[in-house]
Amino acid sequence: MNRTNLSQLAVLATVAQCASFRGAARELGIAPSAVSHAVSSLEARLGVRLLARSTRSVAPTEEGAQLLERLRPALSEIDLALETAAESRDRPAGNLRLTVPRTAAHLTLTPRLGAFAAAYPDIVLEIVIEDRFTDVVEGGFDAGVRLGESLQRDMIAVRIGPDLRGAVVAAPSYFASMPKPRHPRELADHRCIRFRFSSGILYRWEFEKDGEEIEIAAQGPLILDEDHLIAQAAVDGAGLAFVFEPYVQAPLADGRLIRVLEDWCPSFEGFFVYYPSRRQMRPALRAFVDFFRVGG
């Protein structure tokens, strides 16, 4: 094997991932000119254009995309070999990149990130906030975190959080002028604080009781994309909110919020970390899974 080719291929893959020569240079810790030279030399040796360059972006050509697709398993194996070698020091190391929805970051990961960093100082953990379900392989992630009900069957999944439950709440001042709903269909008469996913989709409120499932396209004058803001807006009397229980535990306990439709909000499985099956799991990912797993 020509080892110069190997280093150039690694540079090419990094440029494609970063969609930028300068971004790749920062990631690799080398000069942008060295990145450009490595890619140009590889293209000259192969006699094909691998990257399409413009003043604003860099993207693989068709030939480049085909090459990168075939290279991905080999480069992953090289990364795994290096991580495994690093583990021989009895301390997992390296980069670990996860796709995580905002709610999971708030409720499951954030409370323990400090402890994880202290336990594994040689792991560089990068959390990318995404509400949509992401193909971890295609997205260049080591793993993802999502609710158990949304996971694909071909993924390995490990539970990292307790059961969750939704809560429909509003402030006493709101109920001073509005009746408390006794059935989800009565929400049509209420001002609801709605949630919009990063994909642009508005969340449809989901309820279940005695085997009956109902989805409500709630209506109201306020749309937010952050659960903390929704909970605070409810405390301030803006309307009815539907959020996970942990976001409203304190204001429910001290009377700033009142809960309704509780019997229509059953608990369900919480968050799982998911990742593709591999012959050998990277040590950094194994450390993360073992640290955050329920009972870990």
Protein backbone atom coordinates (compact mmCIF):
# COMPACT_ATOMS: atom_id res chain seq x y z
CA MET A 1 0.00 0.00 0.00
CA ASN A 2 1.19 3.50 -0.84
CA ARG A 3 1.04 5.22 2.53
CA THR A 4 0.99 8.64 0.91
CA ASN A 5 -2.28 7.63 -0.75
CA LEU A 6 -3.69 6.60 2.62
CA SER A 7 -3.01 10.00 4.21
CA GLN A 8 -4.41 11.78 1.16
CA LEU A 9 -7.56 9.68 1.28
CA ALA A 10 -8.02 10.57 4.94
CA VAL A 11 -7.68 14.26 4.06
CA LEU A 12 -10.22 13.85 1.24
CA ALA A 13 -12.74 12.24 3.59
CA THR A 14 -12.31 15.06 6.12
CA VAL A 15 -12.82 17.75 3.47
CA ALA A 16 -16.00 16.01 2.32
CA GLN A 17 -17.29 15.74 5.88
CA CYS A 18 -16.54 19.39 6.68
CA ALA A 19 -17.55 20.63 3.18
CA SER A 20 -14.63 23.01 3.52
CA PHE A 21 -10.86 23.00 3.05
CA ARG A 22 -10.40 25.36 5.98
CA GLY A 23 -12.72 23.29 8.17
CA ALA A 24 -10.77 20.17 7.31
CA ALA A 25 -7.52 21.96 8.10
CA ARG A 26 -8.82 22.89 11.56
CA GLU A 27 -10.07 19.35 12.14
CA LEU A 28 -6.74 17.80 11.09
CA GLY A 29 -4.52 20.45 12.67
CA ILE A 30 -2.64 21.23 9.45
CA ALA A 31 -2.39 24.22 7.12
CA PRO A 32 -5.16 24.77 4.52
CA SER A 33 -2.47 24.74 1.82
CA ALA A 34 -1.46 21.22 2.94
CA VAL A 35 -5.09 20.07 2.66
CA SER A 36 -5.41 21.54 -0.84
CA HIS A 37 -2.10 19.99 -1.91
CA ALA A 38 -3.08 16.55 -0.63
CA VAL A 39 -6.38 16.55 -2.51
CA SER A 40 -4.87 17.97 -5.71
CA SER A 41 -2.08 15.39 -5.64
CA LEU A 42 -4.58 12.57 -5.19
CA GLU A 43 -6.70 13.85 -8.06
CA ALA A 44 -3.63 14.14 -10.29
CA ARG A 45 -2.51 10.60 -9.44
CA LEU A 46 -5.97 9.12 -10.14
CA GLY A 47 -6.65 11.34 -13.12
CA VAL A 48 -10.18 12.25 -11.97
CA ARG A 49 -11.80 15.23 -10.26
CA LEU A 50 -12.90 14.18 -6.77
CA LEU A 51 -14.20 17.47 -5.35
CA ALA A 52 -16.27 20.19 -6.99
CA ARG A 53 -15.06 23.54 -5.66
CA SER A 54 -16.79 26.91 -5.67
CA THR A 55 -16.23 30.15 -3.80
CA ARG A 56 -18.79 29.11 -1.20
CA SER A 57 -18.75 25.34 -0.93
CA VAL A 58 -16.95 22.08 -1.57
CA ALA A 59 -18.78 18.85 -2.47
CA PRO A 60 -17.74 15.46 -3.85
CA THR A 61 -18.13 14.88 -7.56
CA GLU A 62 -19.87 11.69 -8.66
CA GLU A 63 -16.49 9.94 -8.83
CA GLY A 64 -15.51 11.37 -5.46
CA ALA A 65 -18.76 10.25 -3.86
CA GLN A 66 -18.30 6.72 -5.18
CA LEU A 67 -14.74 6.60 -3.88
CA LEU A 68 -15.75 7.90 -0.44
CA GLU A 69 -18.62 5.42 -0.20
CA ARG A 70 -16.23 2.51 -0.73
CA LEU A 71 -13.63 4.03 1.58
CA ARG A 72 -15.98 4.62 4.52
CA PRO A 73 -15.84 1.06 5.97
CA ALA A 74 -12.04 0.95 5.66
CA LEU A 75 -11.56 4.34 7.30
CA SER A 76 -13.97 3.33 10.07
CA GLU A 77 -11.91 0.21 10.70
CA ILE A 78 -8.74 2.30 10.88
CA ASP A 79 -10.39 4.66 13.39
CA LEU A 80 -11.53 1.65 15.40
CA ALA A 81 -8.05 0.16 15.40
CA LEU A 82 -6.57 3.42 16.67
CA GLU A 83 -9.23 3.77 19.36
CA THR A 84 -8.66 0.18 20.46
CA ALA A 85 -4.93 0.83 20.68
CA ALA A 86 -5.64 3.92 22.78
CA GLU A 87 -7.79 1.81 25.10
CA SER A 88 -4.76 -0.27 25.96
CA ARG A 89 -3.88 2.60 28.30
CA ASP A 90 -6.97 1.58 30.30
CA ARG A 91 -8.54 4.94 29.43
CA PRO A 92 -10.84 5.33 26.36
CA ALA A 93 -9.93 8.27 24.14
CA GLY A 94 -10.84 9.98 20.89
CA ASN A 95 -13.74 11.84 19.34
CA LEU A 96 -17.33 10.73 19.91
CA ARG A 97 -20.04 12.39 17.80
CA LEU A 98 -23.73 11.98 18.69
CA THR A 99 -27.03 13.19 17.22
CA VAL A 100 -29.43 14.03 20.05
CA PRO A 101 -32.87 15.69 20.24
CA ARG A 102 -33.03 18.78 22.41
CA THR A 103 -35.31 17.17 24.98
CA ALA A 104 -32.95 14.23 25.50
CA ALA A 105 -30.03 16.62 25.89
CA HIS A 106 -31.92 18.55 28.58
CA LEU A 107 -33.45 15.67 30.52
CA THR A 108 -31.01 12.78 30.13
CA LEU A 109 -27.53 13.92 29.15
CA THR A 110 -26.94 17.41 30.57
CA PRO A 111 -27.32 16.42 34.25
CA ARG A 112 -24.43 13.93 33.88
CA LEU A 113 -22.13 15.50 31.29
CA GLY A 114 -19.82 16.94 33.93
CA ALA A 115 -19.41 13.55 35.59
CA PHE A 116 -18.79 11.89 32.22
CA ALA A 117 -16.12 14.44 31.29
CA ALA A 118 -14.41 13.89 34.64
CA ALA A 119 -14.52 10.10 34.23
CA TYR A 120 -13.23 10.14 30.63
CA PRO A 121 -11.02 13.21 30.15
CA ASP A 122 -9.51 11.84 26.92
CA ILE A 123 -12.86 11.54 25.12
CA VAL A 124 -13.95 14.56 23.06
CA LEU A 125 -17.76 14.37 23.10
CA GLU A 126 -19.62 16.33 20.41
CA ILE A 127 -23.41 16.55 20.69
CA VAL A 128 -25.33 17.74 17.63
CA ILE A 129 -28.90 18.80 18.43
CA GLU A 130 -31.41 17.42 15.89
CA ASP A 131 -35.08 16.63 16.46
CA ARG A 132 -35.53 14.56 13.31
CA PHE A 133 -34.51 10.90 13.21
CA THR A 134 -31.01 10.68 11.74
CA ASP A 135 -29.22 7.84 9.98
CA VAL A 136 -26.08 7.78 12.10
CA VAL A 137 -23.98 6.11 9.42
CA GLU A 138 -24.99 8.49 6.66
CA GLY A 139 -24.65 11.49 8.96
CA GLY A 140 -21.16 10.57 10.10
CA PHE A 141 -22.20 9.99 13.73
CA ASP A 142 -20.99 7.30 16.11
CA ALA A 143 -24.44 6.98 17.65
CA GLY A 144 -27.71 8.76 18.26
CA VAL A 145 -30.24 9.23 21.03
CA ARG A 146 -33.99 8.97 20.41
CA LEU A 147 -37.19 7.77 22.05
CA GLY A 148 -37.54 4.00 22.00
CA GLU A 149 -40.74 4.14 19.92
CA SER A 150 -38.94 5.80 16.99
CA LEU A 151 -35.96 3.46 16.66
CA GLN A 152 -35.28 1.29 13.62
CA ARG A 153 -35.08 -2.45 14.22
CA ASP A 154 -31.70 -2.88 12.56
CA MET A 155 -30.05 -0.72 15.22
CA ILE A 156 -28.62 -1.79 18.54
CA ALA A 157 -30.42 0.20 21.24
CA VAL A 158 -29.53 0.66 24.90
CA ARG A 159 -31.85 2.42 27.31
CA ILE A 160 -30.34 5.48 28.97
CA GLY A 161 -33.35 7.09 30.63
CA PRO A 162 -36.46 6.29 32.71
CA ASP A 163 -40.03 6.10 31.43
CA LEU A 164 -41.45 9.46 30.40
CA ARG A 165 -44.90 10.95 30.64
CA GLY A 166 -46.50 14.02 29.16
CA ALA A 167 -48.33 16.65 31.20
CA VAL A 168 -51.05 19.09 30.07
CA VAL A 169 -50.82 22.14 32.29
CA ALA A 170 -51.90 25.75 32.61
CA ALA A 171 -51.69 28.52 35.20
CA PRO A 172 -54.46 29.16 37.75
CA SER A 173 -55.01 32.54 36.07
CA TYR A 174 -55.79 30.77 32.78
CA PHE A 175 -58.37 28.50 34.39
CA ALA A 176 -59.95 31.52 36.11
CA SER A 177 -61.55 32.33 32.76
CA MET A 178 -61.47 28.95 30.98
CA PRO A 179 -63.00 25.59 32.02
CA LYS A 180 -60.70 22.65 32.66
CA PRO A 181 -60.86 20.19 29.75
CA ARG A 182 -62.09 16.73 30.69
CA HIS A 183 -61.49 15.11 27.30
CA PRO A 184 -58.80 15.81 24.66
CA ARG A 185 -61.44 16.87 22.11
CA GLU A 186 -62.38 19.77 24.40
CA LEU A 187 -58.95 21.27 23.66
CA ALA A 188 -60.50 22.76 20.51
CA ASP A 189 -62.01 25.42 22.78
CA HIS A 190 -58.68 26.31 24.39
CA ARG A 191 -55.63 28.44 23.68
CA CYS A 192 -52.78 25.93 23.34
CA ILE A 193 -49.07 26.66 23.28
CA ARG A 194 -47.76 24.65 20.34
CA PHE A 195 -44.37 23.09 19.62
CA ARG A 196 -42.66 23.16 16.23
CA PHE A 197 -39.92 20.64 15.45
CA SER A 198 -36.75 21.76 13.69
CA SER A 199 -38.12 19.98 10.59
CA GLY A 200 -40.93 22.56 10.53
CA ILE A 201 -43.65 20.10 11.60
CA LEU A 202 -46.03 21.12 14.37
CA TYR A 203 -46.39 18.49 17.08
CA ARG A 204 -49.84 16.89 17.24
CA TRP A 205 -50.80 16.28 20.85
CA GLU A 206 -51.03 12.51 21.48
CA PHE A 207 -53.33 10.94 24.07
CA GLU A 208 -54.29 7.40 25.07
CA LYS A 209 -56.80 5.93 27.50
CA ASP A 210 -58.31 2.45 27.78
CA GLY A 211 -56.95 1.48 24.38
CA GLU A 212 -58.29 4.61 22.66
CA GLU A 213 -55.64 6.75 20.94
CA ILE A 214 -56.32 10.36 19.92
CA GLU A 215 -54.18 12.90 18.11
CA ILE A 216 -55.13 16.56 18.40
CA ALA A 217 -53.93 19.33 16.09
CA ALA A 218 -53.91 21.87 18.91
CA GLN A 219 -54.59 25.52 18.08
CA GLY A 220 -53.41 28.65 19.80
CA PRO A 221 -51.71 32.03 19.48
CA LEU A 222 -48.20 30.92 20.47
CA ILE A 223 -45.75 28.53 18.74
CA LEU A 224 -42.34 27.78 20.26
CA ASP A 225 -39.50 25.32 19.58
CA GLU A 226 -38.15 24.99 23.11
CA ASP A 227 -39.81 23.06 25.95
CA HIS A 228 -38.40 25.33 28.67
CA LEU A 229 -40.00 28.33 26.96
CA ILE A 230 -43.32 26.50 26.58
CA ALA A 231 -43.36 25.64 30.29
CA GLN A 232 -42.56 29.24 31.24
CA ALA A 233 -45.23 30.60 28.90
CA ALA A 234 -47.76 28.33 30.62
CA VAL A 235 -46.67 29.62 34.04
CA ASP A 236 -47.20 33.15 32.71
CA GLY A 237 -50.78 32.33 31.71
CA ALA A 238 -50.34 32.15 27.92
CA GLY A 239 -52.42 28.99 27.60
CA LEU A 240 -52.36 25.22 27.90
CA ALA A 241 -49.00 23.48 27.44
CA PHE A 242 -48.19 19.85 26.73
CA VAL A 243 -44.63 18.95 27.79
CA PHE A 244 -42.75 16.14 29.50
CA GLU A 245 -43.33 16.02 33.27
CA PRO A 246 -39.76 16.97 34.32
CA TYR A 247 -40.17 20.41 32.71
CA VAL A 248 -43.07 21.30 34.99
CA GLN A 249 -42.39 19.40 38.22
CA ALA A 250 -41.45 22.51 40.22
CA PRO A 251 -44.35 24.78 39.15
CA LEU A 252 -46.83 21.91 39.67
CA ALA A 253 -45.45 21.34 43.14
CA ASP A 254 -45.72 24.98 44.20
CA GLY A 255 -49.08 25.65 42.57
CA ARG A 256 -47.97 27.87 39.70
CA LEU A 257 -49.40 25.29 37.28
CA ILE A 258 -52.46 23.03 37.39
CA ARG A 259 -52.54 19.68 35.60
CA VAL A 260 -55.46 18.39 33.53
CA LEU A 261 -56.18 15.29 31.41
CA GLU A 262 -53.73 13.31 33.54
CA ASP A 263 -55.61 10.05 32.92
CA TRP A 264 -55.06 10.55 29.15
CA CYS A 265 -51.26 10.73 29.51
CA PRO A 266 -49.80 7.25 30.11
CA SER A 267 -46.09 6.72 30.57
CA PHE A 268 -43.96 5.33 27.73
CA GLU A 269 -40.40 4.23 27.12
CA GLY A 270 -37.82 6.98 27.46
CA PHE A 271 -34.61 7.63 25.57
CA PHE A 272 -32.22 5.08 24.08
CA VAL A 273 -28.77 5.41 22.55
CA TYR A 274 -28.73 3.63 19.18
CA TYR A 275 -25.87 2.63 16.91
CA PRO A 276 -25.22 0.21 14.03
CA SER A 277 -24.00 -3.30 14.68
CA ARG A 278 -20.21 -3.59 14.34
CA ARG A 279 -17.77 -6.39 14.87
CA GLN A 280 -16.19 -4.34 17.61
CA MET A 281 -17.57 -1.23 19.32
CA ARG A 282 -15.27 1.77 19.59
CA PRO A 283 -13.97 2.13 23.16
CA ALA A 284 -15.22 5.72 23.47
CA LEU A 285 -18.75 4.68 22.48
CA ARG A 286 -18.64 1.69 24.82
CA ALA A 287 -17.65 4.03 27.65
CA PHE A 288 -20.55 6.38 26.86
CA VAL A 289 -23.10 3.56 26.67
CA ASP A 290 -21.93 1.96 29.90
CA PHE A 291 -21.89 5.32 31.71
CA PHE A 292 -25.36 6.47 30.66
CA ARG A 293 -27.24 3.16 30.48
CA VAL A 294 -30.08 2.75 32.98
CA GLY A 295 -28.55 1.27 36.09
CA GLY A 296 -25.04 2.19 34.88
